[in-house]
N, C-alpha and C. Protein backbone atom coordinates (compact mmCIF):
# COMPACT_ATOMS: atom_id res chain seq x y z
N MET A 1 122.22 151.01 31.92
CA MET A 1 122.21 149.78 32.55
C MET A 1 123.63 149.36 33.01
N GLU A 2 124.65 149.75 32.28
CA GLU A 2 126.01 149.32 32.65
C GLU A 2 126.46 150.02 33.93
N LYS A 3 125.92 151.22 34.24
CA LYS A 3 126.28 151.85 35.51
C LYS A 3 125.63 151.15 36.72
N VAL A 4 124.45 150.62 36.48
CA VAL A 4 123.71 149.97 37.59
C VAL A 4 124.15 148.52 37.86
N LYS A 5 124.52 147.82 36.81
CA LYS A 5 124.79 146.38 36.85
C LYS A 5 125.75 145.96 37.99
N PRO A 6 126.85 146.70 38.24
CA PRO A 6 127.75 146.29 39.28
C PRO A 6 127.09 146.29 40.72
N ALA A 7 126.00 147.07 40.92
CA ALA A 7 125.37 147.09 42.17
C ALA A 7 124.34 145.98 42.41
N LEU A 8 123.97 145.34 41.30
CA LEU A 8 122.95 144.27 41.41
C LEU A 8 123.62 142.94 41.75
N ILE A 9 122.98 142.19 42.73
CA ILE A 9 123.58 140.94 43.10
C ILE A 9 122.55 139.85 43.15
N GLN A 10 123.05 138.60 43.10
CA GLN A 10 122.12 137.47 43.41
C GLN A 10 122.45 137.03 44.81
N ILE A 11 121.42 136.64 45.53
CA ILE A 11 121.54 136.18 46.93
C ILE A 11 121.24 134.66 46.93
N HIS A 12 122.17 133.92 47.51
CA HIS A 12 122.01 132.46 47.69
C HIS A 12 121.77 132.20 49.15
N VAL A 13 120.61 131.70 49.51
CA VAL A 13 120.26 131.50 50.92
C VAL A 13 120.18 129.99 51.16
N VAL A 14 120.83 129.58 52.23
CA VAL A 14 120.74 128.20 52.67
C VAL A 14 119.94 128.20 54.02
N THR A 15 118.83 127.43 54.05
CA THR A 15 118.06 127.31 55.22
C THR A 15 118.12 125.81 55.67
N VAL A 16 117.88 125.64 56.99
CA VAL A 16 117.95 124.31 57.57
C VAL A 16 116.59 123.98 58.23
N ASP A 17 116.16 122.78 58.07
CA ASP A 17 114.92 122.33 58.71
C ASP A 17 115.18 120.97 59.34
N TYR A 18 114.62 120.73 60.44
CA TYR A 18 114.74 119.51 61.17
C TYR A 18 113.41 118.80 61.24
N ALA A 19 113.36 117.56 60.75
CA ALA A 19 112.19 116.76 60.76
C ALA A 19 112.51 115.29 60.94
N GLU A 20 111.82 114.66 61.77
CA GLU A 20 111.97 113.19 62.00
C GLU A 20 113.43 112.86 62.35
N GLY A 21 114.05 113.70 63.17
CA GLY A 21 115.44 113.46 63.55
C GLY A 21 116.51 113.75 62.45
N ARG A 22 116.06 114.31 61.42
CA ARG A 22 117.04 114.57 60.31
C ARG A 22 117.17 116.05 59.99
N GLU A 23 118.31 116.40 59.53
CA GLU A 23 118.56 117.79 59.09
C GLU A 23 118.48 117.84 57.58
N LYS A 24 117.60 118.82 57.13
CA LYS A 24 117.58 118.97 55.70
C LYS A 24 117.91 120.43 55.34
N LYS A 25 118.72 120.51 54.38
CA LYS A 25 119.20 121.87 53.87
C LYS A 25 118.52 122.17 52.59
N TYR A 26 118.06 123.43 52.49
CA TYR A 26 117.43 123.94 51.25
C TYR A 26 118.14 125.16 50.70
N ASP A 27 118.21 125.20 49.43
CA ASP A 27 118.84 126.41 48.76
C ASP A 27 117.71 127.16 48.10
N SER A 28 117.78 128.49 48.16
CA SER A 28 116.90 129.33 47.50
C SER A 28 117.73 130.59 46.99
N TYR A 29 117.14 131.26 46.06
CA TYR A 29 117.88 132.42 45.47
C TYR A 29 116.94 133.63 45.35
N GLY A 30 117.56 134.77 45.42
CA GLY A 30 116.77 136.03 45.27
C GLY A 30 117.73 137.09 44.73
N SER A 31 117.31 138.35 44.71
CA SER A 31 118.17 139.36 44.21
C SER A 31 118.25 140.46 45.28
N GLY A 32 119.22 141.34 45.08
CA GLY A 32 119.42 142.51 45.99
C GLY A 32 120.20 143.51 45.31
N VAL A 33 120.49 144.59 46.01
CA VAL A 33 121.29 145.67 45.48
C VAL A 33 122.25 146.20 46.56
N ILE A 34 123.44 146.51 46.15
CA ILE A 34 124.45 147.08 47.04
C ILE A 34 124.08 148.52 47.21
N ILE A 35 123.93 148.97 48.46
CA ILE A 35 123.41 150.38 48.73
C ILE A 35 124.44 151.29 49.29
N ASP A 36 125.68 150.83 49.62
CA ASP A 36 126.76 151.75 50.02
C ASP A 36 128.10 151.10 49.78
N LYS A 37 129.15 151.93 49.97
CA LYS A 37 130.50 151.48 49.72
C LYS A 37 131.05 150.46 50.71
N ARG A 38 130.35 150.39 51.92
CA ARG A 38 130.84 149.41 52.93
C ARG A 38 130.31 148.00 52.57
N GLY A 39 129.47 147.91 51.59
CA GLY A 39 129.00 146.58 51.17
C GLY A 39 127.62 146.19 51.68
N TYR A 40 126.88 147.11 52.26
CA TYR A 40 125.54 146.82 52.75
C TYR A 40 124.61 146.58 51.59
N ILE A 41 123.79 145.55 51.70
CA ILE A 41 122.91 145.12 50.62
C ILE A 41 121.44 145.25 51.09
N LEU A 42 120.56 145.60 50.22
CA LEU A 42 119.19 145.67 50.51
C LEU A 42 118.41 144.58 49.69
N THR A 43 117.64 143.80 50.37
CA THR A 43 116.77 142.77 49.74
C THR A 43 115.55 142.60 50.55
N ASN A 44 114.65 141.71 50.18
CA ASN A 44 113.42 141.47 50.81
C ASN A 44 113.54 140.50 51.96
N HIS A 45 112.70 140.71 53.02
CA HIS A 45 112.66 139.77 54.16
C HIS A 45 112.37 138.34 53.69
N HIS A 46 111.42 138.19 52.71
CA HIS A 46 111.06 136.85 52.28
C HIS A 46 112.23 136.15 51.56
N VAL A 47 113.21 136.90 51.14
CA VAL A 47 114.36 136.34 50.45
C VAL A 47 115.38 135.84 51.52
N ALA A 48 115.73 136.76 52.47
CA ALA A 48 116.83 136.41 53.37
C ALA A 48 116.47 136.48 54.86
N GLY A 49 115.21 136.38 55.18
CA GLY A 49 114.82 136.60 56.56
C GLY A 49 115.14 135.52 57.57
N HIS A 50 115.36 134.28 57.15
CA HIS A 50 115.64 133.21 58.06
C HIS A 50 116.76 132.26 57.58
N PRO A 51 117.93 132.84 57.34
CA PRO A 51 118.96 131.99 56.78
C PRO A 51 119.81 131.23 57.79
N ALA A 52 120.33 130.09 57.37
CA ALA A 52 121.42 129.44 58.11
C ALA A 52 122.75 130.03 57.59
N ARG A 53 122.80 130.22 56.32
CA ARG A 53 123.95 130.91 55.63
C ARG A 53 123.49 131.73 54.52
N LEU A 54 124.16 132.84 54.27
CA LEU A 54 123.90 133.67 53.11
C LEU A 54 125.10 133.94 52.27
N PHE A 55 124.95 133.92 51.02
CA PHE A 55 125.99 134.24 50.05
C PHE A 55 125.51 135.26 49.00
N CYS A 56 126.44 136.13 48.63
CA CYS A 56 126.12 137.16 47.65
C CYS A 56 126.97 136.85 46.40
N ILE A 57 126.32 136.78 45.30
CA ILE A 57 127.02 136.58 44.05
C ILE A 57 127.02 137.88 43.24
N LEU A 58 128.23 138.43 43.07
CA LEU A 58 128.33 139.69 42.47
C LEU A 58 128.26 139.62 40.93
N SER A 59 128.13 140.68 40.25
CA SER A 59 128.03 140.68 38.82
C SER A 59 129.28 140.09 38.14
N SER A 60 130.38 140.17 38.87
CA SER A 60 131.70 139.58 38.38
C SER A 60 131.70 138.04 38.59
N LYS A 61 130.68 137.50 39.12
CA LYS A 61 130.54 136.06 39.49
C LYS A 61 131.26 135.66 40.73
N GLU A 62 131.88 136.67 41.42
CA GLU A 62 132.51 136.35 42.70
C GLU A 62 131.45 136.11 43.79
N GLU A 63 131.63 135.04 44.59
CA GLU A 63 130.66 134.69 45.60
C GLU A 63 131.29 134.97 46.97
N LEU A 64 130.55 135.75 47.78
CA LEU A 64 131.04 136.08 49.16
C LEU A 64 130.04 135.68 50.18
N GLU A 65 130.48 135.22 51.33
CA GLU A 65 129.52 134.98 52.38
C GLU A 65 129.09 136.25 53.05
N ALA A 66 127.84 136.29 53.39
CA ALA A 66 127.29 137.54 53.96
C ALA A 66 126.77 137.30 55.32
N GLU A 67 126.50 138.38 56.10
CA GLU A 67 125.91 138.32 57.40
C GLU A 67 124.68 139.14 57.46
N LEU A 68 123.58 138.57 57.96
CA LEU A 68 122.34 139.32 58.11
C LEU A 68 122.46 140.32 59.21
N VAL A 69 122.23 141.57 58.87
CA VAL A 69 122.30 142.68 59.91
C VAL A 69 120.98 143.00 60.48
N GLY A 70 119.92 142.98 59.72
CA GLY A 70 118.59 143.27 60.19
C GLY A 70 117.54 142.96 59.17
N THR A 71 116.30 142.86 59.68
CA THR A 71 115.18 142.48 58.81
C THR A 71 113.88 143.11 59.43
N ASP A 72 112.92 143.32 58.57
CA ASP A 72 111.62 143.78 59.03
C ASP A 72 110.55 143.01 58.23
N ALA A 73 109.97 142.03 58.91
CA ALA A 73 108.92 141.21 58.21
C ALA A 73 107.73 141.99 57.76
N LEU A 74 107.30 143.00 58.53
CA LEU A 74 106.15 143.73 58.17
C LEU A 74 106.26 144.55 56.89
N SER A 75 107.38 145.16 56.70
CA SER A 75 107.64 145.90 55.46
C SER A 75 108.29 145.06 54.36
N ASP A 76 108.63 143.78 54.72
CA ASP A 76 109.25 142.84 53.79
C ASP A 76 110.63 143.34 53.35
N ILE A 77 111.34 144.07 54.23
CA ILE A 77 112.71 144.49 53.96
C ILE A 77 113.59 143.89 55.01
């Protein structure tokens, strides 16, 4: 477990919804795994598919803003 733990991350997703002329922000959380040394992360589409902002929380508790590179709703990746 100690060898795997550094690759596991928590994903903090901020989404925005507009209703009745107001902006509402929602926070949700999911998990993911770092899959290469450049910092690419794999998670599910239902976790990070429609973000306004994404943050990754590393096992060290460091929080980094992330960029969505791609998604596939059909395979949920």
